[in-house]
C-alpha atoms as a PDB file:
ATOM      1  CA  UNK A   1     131.230 150.459 131.894  1.00  0.00           C
ATOM      2  CA  UNK A   2     134.107 148.987 133.887  1.00  0.00           C
ATOM      3  CA  UNK A   3     137.067 146.945 132.619  1.00  0.00           C
ATOM      4  CA  UNK A   4     135.461 143.508 133.241  1.00  0.00           C
ATOM      5  CA  UNK A   5     132.294 144.617 131.410  1.00  0.00           C
ATOM      6  CA  UNK A   6     134.285 145.991 128.471  1.00  0.00           C
ATOM      7  CA  UNK A   7     136.365 142.798 128.280  1.00  0.00           C
ATOM      8  CA  UNK A   8     133.164 140.709 128.327  1.00  0.00           C
ATOM      9  CA  UNK A   9     131.714 142.866 125.537  1.00  0.00           C
ATOM     10  CA  UNK A  10     134.820 142.363 123.379  1.00  0.00           C
ATOM     11  CA  UNK A  11     134.918 138.611 124.103  1.00  0.00           C
ATOM     12  CA  UNK A  12     131.258 138.405 123.022  1.00  0.00           C
ATOM     13  CA  UNK A  13     132.159 140.043 119.685  1.00  0.00           C
ATOM     14  CA  UNK A  14     134.560 137.160 118.969  1.00  0.00           C
ATOM     15  CA  UNK A  15     132.432 134.340 120.416  1.00  0.00           C
ATOM     16  CA  UNK A  16     130.562 133.043 117.376  1.00  0.00           C
ATOM     17  CA  UNK A  17     133.198 133.730 114.732  1.00  0.00           C
ATOM     18  CA  UNK A  18     135.283 131.168 112.912  1.00  0.00           C
ATOM     19  CA  UNK A  19     139.075 131.498 112.747  1.00  0.00           C
ATOM     20  CA  UNK A  20     139.123 133.625 109.573  1.00  0.00           C
ATOM     21  CA  UNK A  21     136.426 135.943 110.926  1.00  0.00           C
ATOM     22  CA  UNK A  22     138.318 136.299 114.223  1.00  0.00           C
ATOM     23  CA  UNK A  23     141.412 137.401 112.296  1.00  0.00           C
ATOM     24  CA  UNK A  24     139.361 139.882 110.263  1.00  0.00           C
ATOM     25  CA  UNK A  25     137.897 141.393 113.437  1.00  0.00           C
ATOM     26  CA  UNK A  26     141.383 141.550 114.940  1.00  0.00           C
ATOM     27  CA  UNK A  27     142.571 143.505 111.883  1.00  0.00           C
ATOM     28  CA  UNK A  28     139.575 145.830 112.273  1.00  0.00           C
ATOM     29  CA  UNK A  29     140.739 146.547 115.819  1.00  0.00           C
ATOM     30  CA  UNK A  30     144.294 147.070 114.517  1.00  0.00           C
ATOM     31  CA  UNK A  31     143.051 149.728 112.114  1.00  0.00           C
ATOM     32  CA  UNK A  32     141.527 151.577 115.068  1.00  0.00           C
ATOM     33  CA  UNK A  33     144.768 151.869 117.052  1.00  0.00           C
ATOM     34  CA  UNK A  34     145.854 155.498 116.736  1.00  0.00           C
ATOM     35  CA  UNK A  35     149.361 156.297 115.501  1.00  0.00           C
ATOM     36  CA  UNK A  36     152.006 157.042 118.092  1.00  0.00           C
ATOM     37  CA  UNK A  37     151.793 160.726 119.080  1.00  0.00           C
ATOM     38  CA  UNK A  38     154.926 162.738 118.172  1.00  0.00           C
ATOM     39  CA  UNK A  39     155.842 163.336 121.829  1.00  0.00           C
ATOM     40  CA  UNK A  40     156.066 159.563 122.367  1.00  0.00           C
ATOM     41  CA  UNK A  41     158.079 159.068 119.198  1.00  0.00           C
ATOM     42  CA  UNK A  42     160.856 161.155 120.765  1.00  0.00           C
ATOM     43  CA  UNK A  43     160.575 159.240 124.056  1.00  0.00           C
ATOM     44  CA  UNK A  44     160.799 155.910 122.232  1.00  0.00           C
ATOM     45  CA  UNK A  45     164.444 156.605 121.411  1.00  0.00           C
ATOM     46  CA  UNK A  46     165.455 157.184 125.046  1.00  0.00           C
ATOM     47  CA  UNK A  47     163.068 155.015 127.090  1.00  0.00           C
ATOM     48  CA  UNK A  48     163.009 151.228 127.134  1.00  0.00           C
ATOM     49  CA  UNK A  49     159.341 150.692 126.318  1.00  0.00           C
ATOM     50  CA  UNK A  50     159.740 147.697 124.018  1.00  0.00           C
ATOM     51  CA  UNK A  51     158.097 144.428 125.005  1.00  0.00           C
ATOM     52  CA  UNK A  52     161.156 142.234 124.497  1.00  0.00           C
ATOM     53  CA  UNK A  53     159.245 138.966 124.961  1.00  0.00           C
ATOM     54  CA  UNK A  54     157.335 139.701 121.760  1.00  0.00           C
ATOM     55  CA  UNK A  55     159.030 139.066 118.408  1.00  0.00           C
ATOM     56  CA  UNK A  56     157.104 141.970 116.889  1.00  0.00           C
ATOM     57  CA  UNK A  57     158.352 145.453 117.796  1.00  0.00           C
ATOM     58  CA  UNK A  58     155.792 146.618 120.385  1.00  0.00           C
ATOM     59  CA  UNK A  59     156.272 149.766 122.477  1.00  0.00           C
ATOM     60  CA  UNK A  60     153.946 150.528 125.395  1.00  0.00           C
ATOM     61  CA  UNK A  61     153.391 153.489 127.700  1.00  0.00           C
ATOM     62  CA  UNK A  62     151.044 152.879 130.614  1.00  0.00           C
ATOM     63  CA  UNK A  63     149.869 156.001 132.369  1.00  0.00           C
ATOM     64  CA  UNK A  64     147.344 157.069 134.934  1.00  0.00           C
ATOM     65  CA  UNK A  65     145.749 160.489 134.555  1.00  0.00           C
ATOM     66  CA  UNK A  66     143.385 161.541 137.349  1.00  0.00           C
ATOM     67  CA  UNK A  67     142.897 157.891 138.286  1.00  0.00           C
ATOM     68  CA  UNK A  68     142.060 156.857 134.716  1.00  0.00           C
ATOM     69  CA  UNK A  69     144.109 154.370 132.730  1.00  0.00           C
ATOM     70  CA  UNK A  70     145.765 155.380 129.503  1.00  0.00           C
ATOM     71  CA  UNK A  71     147.616 153.046 127.166  1.00  0.00           C
ATOM     72  CA  UNK A  72     149.707 154.520 124.384  1.00  0.00           C
ATOM     73  CA  UNK A  73     151.208 151.990 122.012  1.00  0.00           C
ATOM     74  CA  UNK A  74     153.075 151.493 118.802  1.00  0.00           C
ATOM     75  CA  UNK A  75     153.091 148.164 117.027  1.00  0.00           C
ATOM     76  CA  UNK A  76     154.934 147.415 113.812  1.00  0.00           C
ATOM     77  CA  UNK A  77     152.460 147.803 110.929  1.00  0.00           C
ATOM     78  CA  UNK A  78     153.516 144.465 109.427  1.00  0.00           C
ATOM     79  CA  UNK A  79     151.989 142.701 112.452  1.00  0.00           C
ATOM     80  CA  UNK A  80     148.249 143.476 112.264  1.00  0.00           C
ATOM     81  CA  UNK A  81     147.249 140.625 114.582  1.00  0.00           C
ATOM     82  CA  UNK A  82     149.553 141.871 117.337  1.00  0.00           C
ATOM     83  CA  UNK A  83     148.434 145.440 116.695  1.00  0.00           C
ATOM     84  CA  UNK A  84     144.809 144.308 116.890  1.00  0.00           C
ATOM     85  CA  UNK A  85     145.376 142.598 120.235  1.00  0.00           C
ATOM     86  CA  UNK A  86     147.029 145.742 121.633  1.00  0.00           C
ATOM     87  CA  UNK A  87     144.084 147.762 120.319  1.00  0.00           C
ATOM     88  CA  UNK A  88     141.694 145.416 122.158  1.00  0.00           C
ATOM     89  CA  UNK A  89     143.626 145.968 125.389  1.00  0.00           C
ATOM     90  CA  UNK A  90     143.564 149.730 124.820  1.00  0.00           C
ATOM     91  CA  UNK A  91     139.798 149.600 124.245  1.00  0.00           C
ATOM     92  CA  UNK A  92     139.389 147.647 127.474  1.00  0.00           C
ATOM     93  CA  UNK A  93     141.402 150.003 129.687  1.00  0.00           C
ATOM     94  CA  UNK A  94     141.548 153.525 128.249  1.00  0.00           C
ATOM     95  CA  UNK A  95     139.567 155.982 130.311  1.00  0.00           C
ATOM     96  CA  UNK A  96     138.619 153.438 132.945  1.00  0.00           C
ATOM     97  CA  UNK A  97     139.776 153.415 136.574  1.00  0.00           C
ATOM     98  CA  UNK A  98     143.407 152.259 136.589  1.00  0.00           C
ATOM     99  CA  UNK A  99     142.869 149.966 139.575  1.00  0.00           C
ATOM    100  CA  UNK A 100     140.438 147.893 137.480  1.00  0.00           C
ATOM    101  CA  UNK A 101     143.160 146.897 135.026  1.00  0.00           C
ATOM    102  CA  UNK A 102     144.089 143.940 137.232  1.00  0.00           C
ATOM    103  CA  UNK A 103     140.698 142.496 136.226  1.00  0.00           C
ATOM    104  CA  UNK A 104     141.922 141.817 132.670  1.00  0.00           C
ATOM    105  CA  UNK A 105     141.943 138.034 132.581  1.00  0.00           C
ATOM    106  CA  UNK A 106     145.321 136.396 132.058  1.00  0.00           C
ATOM    107  CA  UNK A 107     143.608 134.032 129.630  1.00  0.00           C
ATOM    108  CA  UNK A 108     142.117 136.804 127.469  1.00  0.00           C
ATOM    109  CA  UNK A 109     143.629 135.319 124.322  1.00  0.00           C
ATOM    110  CA  UNK A 110     141.889 132.012 125.012  1.00  0.00           C
ATOM    111  CA  UNK A 111     138.592 133.723 125.853  1.00  0.00           C
ATOM    112  CA  UNK A 112     138.733 135.521 122.516  1.00  0.00           C
ATOM    113  CA  UNK A 113     139.366 132.184 120.822  1.00  0.00           C
ATOM    114  CA  UNK A 114     142.584 133.518 119.306  1.00  0.00           C
ATOM    115  CA  UNK A 115     145.176 131.221 120.897  1.00  0.00           C
ATOM    116  CA  UNK A 116     144.665 128.341 118.430  1.00  0.00           C
ATOM    117  CA  UNK A 117     144.362 130.745 115.492  1.00  0.00           C
ATOM    118  CA  UNK A 118     147.586 132.643 116.220  1.00  0.00           C
ATOM    119  CA  UNK A 119     149.869 129.849 117.422  1.00  0.00           C
ATOM    120  CA  UNK A 120     151.919 129.295 120.561  1.00  0.00           C
ATOM    121  CA  UNK A 121     154.834 131.673 119.846  1.00  0.00           C
ATOM    122  CA  UNK A 122     152.609 134.631 119.085  1.00  0.00           C
ATOM    123  CA  UNK A 123     150.389 133.729 122.053  1.00  0.00           C
ATOM    124  CA  UNK A 124     153.369 133.959 124.414  1.00  0.00           C
ATOM    125  CA  UNK A 125     154.234 137.414 123.122  1.00  0.00           C
ATOM    126  CA  UNK A 126     150.640 138.595 123.491  1.00  0.00           C
ATOM    127  CA  UNK A 127     150.466 137.253 127.028  1.00  0.00           C
ATOM    128  CA  UNK A 128     153.662 139.198 127.805  1.00  0.00           C
ATOM    129  CA  UNK A 129     152.012 142.347 126.427  1.00  0.00           C
ATOM    130  CA  UNK A 130     148.976 141.789 128.668  1.00  0.00           C
ATOM    131  CA  UNK A 131     151.182 141.255 131.721  1.00  0.00           C
ATOM    132  CA  UNK A 132     153.238 144.386 130.941  1.00  0.00           C
ATOM    133  CA  UNK A 133     150.113 146.522 130.626  1.00  0.00           C
ATOM    134  CA  UNK A 134     148.642 145.188 133.859  1.00  0.00           C
ATOM    135  CA  UNK A 135     151.898 145.751 135.780  1.00  0.00           C
ATOM    136  CA  UNK A 136     152.442 149.194 134.293  1.00  0.00           C
ATOM    137  CA  UNK A 137     148.963 150.484 134.971  1.00  0.00           C
ATOM    138  CA  UNK A 138     148.869 148.997 138.461  1.00  0.00           C
ATOM    139  CA  UNK A 139     152.155 150.764 139.240  1.00  0.00           C
ATOM    140  CA  UNK A 140     150.936 154.016 137.657  1.00  0.00           C
ATOM    141  CA  UNK A 141     147.738 153.889 139.753  1.00  0.00           C
ATOM    142  CA  UNK A 142     149.745 153.248 142.924  1.00  0.00           C
ATOM    143  CA  UNK A 143     152.035 156.179 142.146  1.00  0.00           C
ATOM    144  CA  UNK A 144     148.959 158.366 141.984  1.00  0.00           C
END
């Protein structure tokens, strides 16, 4: 399954849900985001990996291993909706060809039906997270 197919599968999960159900599914995704590995915890102190456009503390590492995308992330636990969105992005890209990451739609939040549920300020932060992941993985793929 490629990135566009995985994104379509995730969007379909959200399609027929009302706002409360969308938030519940988002929290389910949040619970599936693994904790930050210890090696990255040490790097967090010395590398600028924070997404500053997002009010919630979000730290991202975008890597390419043997042509496959890898997203490692830490999101403040008090922000389950943001954590859930990052988990969705990780599910869409991890293990897939890094060059496919550009196929993540810029309007993913709208396709999931989450923009009206989460509000404009949070939506801007989530769009910044998406853009950061796309840029990072595109650069990692180019670097080989």
